[in-house]
Amino acid sequence: MMDRFNRLNGLVAPLDRANVDTDAVIPKQFLKSILRTGFGPNLFDSWRYLDTGEPGMDNSERPLNEDFILNKTRFQGAQVLLARENFGCGSSREHAPWALLDYGFRVVIAPSFGDIFYNNSLKNGLLPIRLPGAVIDTLFEQTFAQDGYRLDIDLETQSVTTADGTRFVFDIEPFSKHCLLHGLDEIGLTLQNADAIRAFEARHREARPWLFL
């Protein structure tokens, strides 16, 4: 199961870079684990730190790149990542949405996404929102201009609303929306049919007992 997503009023962090690939999101040396947690400290590792990160390092002792956006005090605790076009391009690693979620992001807003990253995000509880480039430009301007800039994201109405009430509507495929609203990943969807699965297994065992000797 994954966390449900319904509505979020979240602090925005602006990542003003295009074509951010999944190796930048979570570098390849951290992909040895198949657990969904523990990747947050290494999100954007090569940009957040001044040294080269390796698994098992104490990140609290590593030198920070003070110029990187996520290291700035005003963006600590951000839950909405504002990005540029083609965010999440590159390889198909699920670790990219895992790292973003483990860091604390629940939403990524961009003009476009890598297709595999977009689908992996939806399957893992991270909401990727596509908005037109002109809207993204405006949101970047407002985020940089206002400390504590927040957006209200409502999945039910498929809307992003600014503090002054300006509202933008985004598209999402109905099945993915249903899964996010109800916190259903692929395992959760399967478990909805647990009774039918158990009944089938019982019939199968009764009809072919020699298979279970």
C-alpha atoms as a PDB file:
ATOM      1  CA  MET A   1       0.000   0.000   0.000  1.00  0.00           C
ATOM      2  CA  MET A   2       1.067   3.583  -0.575  1.00  0.00           C
ATOM      3  CA  ASP A   3      -0.047   6.773   1.130  1.00  0.00           C
ATOM      4  CA  ARG A   4      -3.273   8.256  -0.174  1.00  0.00           C
ATOM      5  CA  PHE A   5      -3.131  11.564  -1.969  1.00  0.00           C
ATOM      6  CA  ASN A   6      -6.149  13.833  -1.838  1.00  0.00           C
ATOM      7  CA  ARG A   7      -5.168  17.418  -1.149  1.00  0.00           C
ATOM      8  CA  LEU A   8      -1.924  19.140  -0.213  1.00  0.00           C
ATOM      9  CA  ASN A   9      -0.996  22.680   0.678  1.00  0.00           C
ATOM     10  CA  GLY A  10       2.752  22.517   0.291  1.00  0.00           C
ATOM     11  CA  LEU A  11       5.871  24.645   0.317  1.00  0.00           C
ATOM     12  CA  VAL A  12       7.426  24.848  -3.160  1.00  0.00           C
ATOM     13  CA  ALA A  13      11.106  24.297  -4.024  1.00  0.00           C
ATOM     14  CA  PRO A  14      12.157  25.483  -7.511  1.00  0.00           C
ATOM     15  CA  LEU A  15      14.645  23.328  -9.436  1.00  0.00           C
ATOM     16  CA  ASP A  16      15.390  25.575 -12.395  1.00  0.00           C
ATOM     17  CA  ARG A  17      17.010  22.981 -14.660  1.00  0.00           C
ATOM     18  CA  ALA A  18      15.716  21.251 -17.793  1.00  0.00           C
ATOM     19  CA  ASN A  19      16.275  17.594 -18.711  1.00  0.00           C
ATOM     20  CA  VAL A  20      17.001  16.395 -15.173  1.00  0.00           C
ATOM     21  CA  ASP A  21      17.618  12.683 -15.644  1.00  0.00           C
ATOM     22  CA  THR A  22      17.049   9.899 -13.153  1.00  0.00           C
ATOM     23  CA  ASP A  23      20.785   9.476 -12.525  1.00  0.00           C
ATOM     24  CA  ALA A  24      20.828  13.067 -11.265  1.00  0.00           C
ATOM     25  CA  VAL A  25      17.750  12.374  -9.130  1.00  0.00           C
ATOM     26  CA  ILE A  26      19.381   9.336  -7.499  1.00  0.00           C
ATOM     27  CA  PRO A  27      22.865   8.364  -8.742  1.00  0.00           C
ATOM     28  CA  LYS A  28      23.520   4.796  -9.826  1.00  0.00           C
ATOM     29  CA  GLN A  29      25.761   3.847  -6.877  1.00  0.00           C
ATOM     30  CA  PHE A  30      22.747   4.043  -4.551  1.00  0.00           C
ATOM     31  CA  LEU A  31      20.582   1.569  -6.462  1.00  0.00           C
ATOM     32  CA  LYS A  32      21.707  -1.560  -4.649  1.00  0.00           C
ATOM     33  CA  SER A  33      18.724  -1.574  -2.282  1.00  0.00           C
ATOM     34  CA  ILE A  34      15.233  -2.616  -3.381  1.00  0.00           C
ATOM     35  CA  LEU A  35      13.621  -1.115  -0.276  1.00  0.00           C
ATOM     36  CA  ARG A  36      11.533   1.974  -0.949  1.00  0.00           C
ATOM     37  CA  THR A  37      12.994   3.953   1.931  1.00  0.00           C
ATOM     38  CA  GLY A  38      16.367   5.402   2.796  1.00  0.00           C
ATOM     39  CA  PHE A  39      17.059   7.193  -0.488  1.00  0.00           C
ATOM     40  CA  GLY A  40      16.079  10.707   0.605  1.00  0.00           C
ATOM     41  CA  PRO A  41      19.505  11.702   1.973  1.00  0.00           C
ATOM     42  CA  ASN A  42      21.016  10.952  -1.446  1.00  0.00           C
ATOM     43  CA  LEU A  43      18.410  12.711  -3.568  1.00  0.00           C
ATOM     44  CA  PHE A  44      20.276  14.888  -6.114  1.00  0.00           C
ATOM     45  CA  ASP A  45      23.432  13.680  -4.372  1.00  0.00           C
ATOM     46  CA  SER A  46      25.987  15.052  -6.835  1.00  0.00           C
ATOM     47  CA  TRP A  47      24.347  18.498  -6.650  1.00  0.00           C
ATOM     48  CA  ARG A  48      23.664  18.641  -2.910  1.00  0.00           C
ATOM     49  CA  TYR A  49      27.167  17.683  -1.759  1.00  0.00           C
ATOM     50  CA  LEU A  50      30.668  18.805  -2.716  1.00  0.00           C
ATOM     51  CA  ASP A  51      32.199  15.332  -2.443  1.00  0.00           C
ATOM     52  CA  THR A  52      31.375  12.047  -4.151  1.00  0.00           C
ATOM     53  CA  GLY A  53      28.723  10.083  -2.310  1.00  0.00           C
ATOM     54  CA  GLU A  54      28.840   6.347  -1.732  1.00  0.00           C
ATOM     55  CA  PRO A  55      26.433   3.979   0.050  1.00  0.00           C
ATOM     56  CA  GLY A  56      26.929   3.857   3.804  1.00  0.00           C
ATOM     57  CA  MET A  57      28.444   7.313   4.155  1.00  0.00           C
ATOM     58  CA  ASP A  58      27.356   9.549   7.031  1.00  0.00           C
ATOM     59  CA  ASN A  59      25.665  12.322   5.060  1.00  0.00           C
ATOM     60  CA  SER A  60      25.576  14.604   8.102  1.00  0.00           C
ATOM     61  CA  GLU A  61      29.374  14.842   7.893  1.00  0.00           C
ATOM     62  CA  ARG A  62      29.555  15.594   4.172  1.00  0.00           C
ATOM     63  CA  PRO A  63      30.247  19.125   2.818  1.00  0.00           C
ATOM     64  CA  LEU A  64      27.115  20.753   1.411  1.00  0.00           C
ATOM     65  CA  ASN A  65      26.869  22.764  -1.777  1.00  0.00           C
ATOM     66  CA  GLU A  66      25.359  25.913  -0.290  1.00  0.00           C
ATOM     67  CA  ASP A  67      24.310  27.136  -3.748  1.00  0.00           C
ATOM     68  CA  PHE A  68      22.030  24.169  -4.411  1.00  0.00           C
ATOM     69  CA  ILE A  69      18.369  25.044  -3.981  1.00  0.00           C
ATOM     70  CA  LEU A  70      17.440  22.263  -1.548  1.00  0.00           C
ATOM     71  CA  ASN A  71      20.229  23.299   0.810  1.00  0.00           C
ATOM     72  CA  LYS A  72      18.805  26.786   1.269  1.00  0.00           C
ATOM     73  CA  THR A  73      16.961  27.362   4.542  1.00  0.00           C
ATOM     74  CA  ARG A  74      13.866  28.891   2.941  1.00  0.00           C
ATOM     75  CA  PHE A  75      13.114  25.674   1.048  1.00  0.00           C
ATOM     76  CA  GLN A  76      13.536  23.225   3.917  1.00  0.00           C
ATOM     77  CA  GLY A  77      10.444  21.065   4.329  1.00  0.00           C
ATOM     78  CA  ALA A  78       9.248  21.569   0.746  1.00  0.00           C
ATOM     79  CA  GLN A  79       6.679  19.046  -0.454  1.00  0.00           C
ATOM     80  CA  VAL A  80       6.229  20.387  -3.991  1.00  0.00           C
ATOM     81  CA  LEU A  81       9.100  20.339  -6.477  1.00  0.00           C
ATOM     82  CA  LEU A  82       8.807  22.801  -9.353  1.00  0.00           C
ATOM     83  CA  ALA A  83      10.853  21.692 -12.351  1.00  0.00           C
ATOM     84  CA  ARG A  84      11.497  22.362 -16.011  1.00  0.00           C
ATOM     85  CA  GLU A  85      10.782  20.319 -19.141  1.00  0.00           C
ATOM     86  CA  ASN A  86      11.600  16.635 -19.510  1.00  0.00           C
ATOM     87  CA  PHE A  87      12.037  16.028 -15.791  1.00  0.00           C
ATOM     88  CA  GLY A  88      12.921  12.401 -15.006  1.00  0.00           C
ATOM     89  CA  CYS A  89      14.303  11.487 -18.405  1.00  0.00           C
ATOM     90  CA  GLY A  90      16.853   8.696 -18.700  1.00  0.00           C
ATOM     91  CA  SER A  91      16.811   5.201 -17.221  1.00  0.00           C
ATOM     92  CA  SER A  92      13.754   3.469 -15.844  1.00  0.00           C
ATOM     93  CA  ARG A  93      14.755   3.212 -12.165  1.00  0.00           C
ATOM     94  CA  GLU A  94      11.881   3.264  -9.657  1.00  0.00           C
ATOM     95  CA  HIS A  95      14.401   4.590  -7.154  1.00  0.00           C
ATOM     96  CA  ALA A  96      13.870   8.113  -8.564  1.00  0.00           C
ATOM     97  CA  PRO A  97      10.306   8.539  -7.229  1.00  0.00           C
ATOM     98  CA  TRP A  98      11.304   6.597  -4.091  1.00  0.00           C
ATOM     99  CA  ALA A  99      14.069   9.134  -3.394  1.00  0.00           C
ATOM    100  CA  LEU A 100      11.783  12.118  -3.985  1.00  0.00           C
ATOM    101  CA  LEU A 101       9.122  10.660  -1.699  1.00  0.00           C
ATOM    102  CA  ASP A 102      11.633   9.704   0.989  1.00  0.00           C
ATOM    103  CA  TYR A 103      12.975  13.255   0.966  1.00  0.00           C
ATOM    104  CA  GLY A 104       9.445  14.563   1.558  1.00  0.00           C
ATOM    105  CA  PHE A 105       8.121  15.551  -1.863  1.00  0.00           C
ATOM    106  CA  ARG A 106       4.590  14.487  -2.740  1.00  0.00           C
ATOM    107  CA  VAL A 107       4.213  16.481  -5.978  1.00  0.00           C
ATOM    108  CA  VAL A 108       6.433  17.376  -8.939  1.00  0.00           C
ATOM    109  CA  ILE A 109       5.162  20.071 -11.307  1.00  0.00           C
ATOM    110  CA  ALA A 110       6.783  20.474 -14.723  1.00  0.00           C
ATOM    111  CA  PRO A 111       5.875  21.141 -18.373  1.00  0.00           C
ATOM    112  CA  SER A 112       6.800  17.545 -19.301  1.00  0.00           C
ATOM    113  CA  PHE A 113       8.268  14.362 -17.851  1.00  0.00           C
ATOM    114  CA  GLY A 114      10.160  11.311 -18.987  1.00  0.00           C
ATOM    115  CA  ASP A 115       7.426   8.765 -19.746  1.00  0.00           C
ATOM    116  CA  ILE A 116       8.788   5.972 -17.556  1.00  0.00           C
ATOM    117  CA  PHE A 117       9.435   8.314 -14.633  1.00  0.00           C
ATOM    118  CA  TYR A 118       5.903   9.707 -14.959  1.00  0.00           C
ATOM    119  CA  ASN A 119       4.342   6.247 -14.774  1.00  0.00           C
ATOM    120  CA  ASN A 120       6.656   5.067 -11.987  1.00  0.00           C
ATOM    121  CA  SER A 121       5.698   8.131  -9.963  1.00  0.00           C
ATOM    122  CA  LEU A 122       1.989   7.435 -10.243  1.00  0.00           C
ATOM    123  CA  LYS A 123       2.507   3.811  -9.212  1.00  0.00           C
ATOM    124  CA  ASN A 124       4.447   4.839  -6.093  1.00  0.00           C
ATOM    125  CA  GLY A 125       2.320   7.694  -4.734  1.00  0.00           C
ATOM    126  CA  LEU A 126       4.183  10.679  -6.184  1.00  0.00           C
ATOM    127  CA  LEU A 127       1.888  13.015  -8.140  1.00  0.00           C
ATOM    128  CA  PRO A 128       3.488  14.364 -11.357  1.00  0.00           C
ATOM    129  CA  ILE A 129       1.573  17.374 -12.699  1.00  0.00           C
ATOM    130  CA  ARG A 130       1.991  18.725 -16.214  1.00  0.00           C
ATOM    131  CA  LEU A 131       1.264  22.428 -16.691  1.00  0.00           C
ATOM    132  CA  PRO A 132       1.987  24.663 -19.715  1.00  0.00           C
ATOM    133  CA  GLY A 133       5.429  26.235 -19.948  1.00  0.00           C
ATOM    134  CA  ALA A 134       4.058  29.767 -19.529  1.00  0.00           C
ATOM    135  CA  VAL A 135       2.360  28.742 -16.278  1.00  0.00           C
ATOM    136  CA  ILE A 136       5.563  27.104 -15.057  1.00  0.00           C
ATOM    137  CA  ASP A 137       7.458  30.323 -15.812  1.00  0.00           C
ATOM    138  CA  THR A 138       4.994  32.280 -13.694  1.00  0.00           C
ATOM    139  CA  LEU A 139       5.232  29.814 -10.816  1.00  0.00           C
ATOM    140  CA  PHE A 140       9.038  30.018 -10.877  1.00  0.00           C
ATOM    141  CA  GLU A 141       8.891  33.807 -10.752  1.00  0.00           C
ATOM    142  CA  GLN A 142       6.478  33.765  -7.818  1.00  0.00           C
ATOM    143  CA  THR A 143       8.421  31.083  -5.937  1.00  0.00           C
ATOM    144  CA  PHE A 144      11.693  32.997  -6.139  1.00  0.00           C
ATOM    145  CA  ALA A 145       9.996  36.290  -5.278  1.00  0.00           C
ATOM    146  CA  GLN A 146       8.078  35.147  -2.196  1.00  0.00           C
ATOM    147  CA  ASP A 147       9.521  33.431   0.860  1.00  0.00           C
ATOM    148  CA  GLY A 148       7.353  30.564   2.013  1.00  0.00           C
ATOM    149  CA  TYR A 149       5.612  30.273  -1.360  1.00  0.00           C
ATOM    150  CA  ARG A 150       2.980  27.533  -1.238  1.00  0.00           C
ATOM    151  CA  LEU A 151       0.593  25.881  -3.661  1.00  0.00           C
ATOM    152  CA  ASP A 152      -2.669  24.102  -2.950  1.00  0.00           C
ATOM    153  CA  ILE A 153      -2.985  20.872  -4.941  1.00  0.00           C
ATOM    154  CA  ASP A 154      -6.372  19.160  -5.067  1.00  0.00           C
ATOM    155  CA  LEU A 155      -6.359  15.816  -6.857  1.00  0.00           C
ATOM    156  CA  GLU A 156     -10.132  15.376  -6.746  1.00  0.00           C
ATOM    157  CA  THR A 157     -10.680  18.585  -8.733  1.00  0.00           C
ATOM    158  CA  GLN A 158      -7.345  18.202 -10.582  1.00  0.00           C
ATOM    159  CA  SER A 159      -6.336  21.740  -9.721  1.00  0.00           C
ATOM    160  CA  VAL A 160      -3.324  23.762  -8.573  1.00  0.00           C
ATOM    161  CA  THR A 161      -4.218  26.999  -6.781  1.00  0.00           C
ATOM    162  CA  THR A 162      -1.900  29.847  -5.808  1.00  0.00           C
ATOM    163  CA  ALA A 163      -2.245  31.984  -2.672  1.00  0.00           C
ATOM    164  CA  ASP A 164      -4.001  34.731  -4.649  1.00  0.00           C
ATOM    165  CA  GLY A 165      -6.655  32.268  -5.865  1.00  0.00           C
ATOM    166  CA  THR A 166      -5.363  31.711  -9.393  1.00  0.00           C
ATOM    167  CA  ARG A 167      -6.336  28.189 -10.369  1.00  0.00           C
ATOM    168  CA  PHE A 168      -4.773  25.876 -12.937  1.00  0.00           C
ATOM    169  CA  VAL A 169      -6.315  22.572 -14.000  1.00  0.00           C
ATOM    170  CA  PHE A 170      -4.212  19.524 -14.873  1.00  0.00           C
ATOM    171  CA  ASP A 171      -4.967  16.234 -16.606  1.00  0.00           C
ATOM    172  CA  ILE A 172      -4.530  12.785 -15.109  1.00  0.00           C
ATOM    173  CA  GLU A 173      -5.675   9.394 -16.335  1.00  0.00           C
ATOM    174  CA  PRO A 174      -8.756   8.247 -14.327  1.00  0.00           C
ATOM    175  CA  PHE A 175      -7.322   4.914 -13.197  1.00  0.00           C
ATOM    176  CA  SER A 176      -4.140   6.538 -11.850  1.00  0.00           C
ATOM    177  CA  LYS A 177      -6.238   9.175 -10.102  1.00  0.00           C
ATOM    178  CA  HIS A 178      -8.347   6.470  -8.456  1.00  0.00           C
ATOM    179  CA  CYS A 179      -5.231   4.628  -7.248  1.00  0.00           C
ATOM    180  CA  LEU A 180      -3.669   7.774  -5.773  1.00  0.00           C
ATOM    181  CA  LEU A 181      -6.881   8.847  -4.059  1.00  0.00           C
ATOM    182  CA  HIS A 182      -7.242   5.420  -2.438  1.00  0.00           C
ATOM    183  CA  GLY A 183      -3.565   4.664  -1.801  1.00  0.00           C
ATOM    184  CA  LEU A 184      -3.508   1.633  -4.083  1.00  0.00           C
ATOM    185  CA  ASP A 185      -0.236   0.481  -5.592  1.00  0.00           C
ATOM    186  CA  GLU A 186      -0.050  -2.707  -7.668  1.00  0.00           C
ATOM    187  CA  ILE A 187       0.137  -4.876  -4.537  1.00  0.00           C
ATOM    188  CA  GLY A 188      -2.836  -3.051  -3.039  1.00  0.00           C
ATOM    189  CA  LEU A 189      -4.836  -3.580  -6.211  1.00  0.00           C
ATOM    190  CA  THR A 190      -4.050  -7.298  -6.124  1.00  0.00           C
ATOM    191  CA  LEU A 191      -5.027  -7.590  -2.455  1.00  0.00           C
ATOM    192  CA  GLN A 192      -8.461  -6.217  -3.279  1.00  0.00           C
ATOM    193  CA  ASN A 193      -9.051  -9.652  -4.825  1.00  0.00           C
ATOM    194  CA  ALA A 194      -7.570 -11.590  -1.899  1.00  0.00           C
ATOM    195  CA  ASP A 195     -10.777 -13.573  -1.223  1.00  0.00           C
ATOM    196  CA  ALA A 196     -11.074 -14.629  -4.864  1.00  0.00           C
ATOM    197  CA  ILE A 197      -7.386 -15.599  -4.938  1.00  0.00           C
ATOM    198  CA  ARG A 198      -7.739 -17.731  -1.813  1.00  0.00           C
ATOM    199  CA  ALA A 199     -10.865 -19.400  -3.226  1.00  0.00           C
ATOM    200  CA  PHE A 200      -9.042 -20.234  -6.460  1.00  0.00           C
ATOM    201  CA  GLU A 201      -6.094 -21.679  -4.530  1.00  0.00           C
ATOM    202  CA  ALA A 202      -8.443 -23.871  -2.487  1.00  0.00           C
ATOM    203  CA  ARG A 203     -10.174 -25.177  -5.633  1.00  0.00           C
ATOM    204  CA  HIS A 204      -6.826 -25.758  -7.319  1.00  0.00           C
ATOM    205  CA  ARG A 205      -5.507 -27.707  -4.330  1.00  0.00           C
ATOM    206  CA  GLU A 206      -8.676 -29.837  -4.177  1.00  0.00           C
ATOM    207  CA  ALA A 207      -8.700 -30.576  -7.914  1.00  0.00           C
ATOM    208  CA  ARG A 208      -4.948 -31.358  -8.167  1.00  0.00           C
ATOM    209  CA  PRO A 209      -3.764 -32.527  -4.739  1.00  0.00           C
ATOM    210  CA  TRP A 210      -0.735 -34.319  -6.236  1.00  0.00           C
ATOM    211  CA  LEU A 211       0.820 -30.929  -7.044  1.00  0.00           C
ATOM    212  CA  PHE A 212       1.068 -30.138  -3.337  1.00  0.00           C
ATOM    213  CA  LEU A 213       2.644 -33.364  -2.065  1.00  0.00           C
END
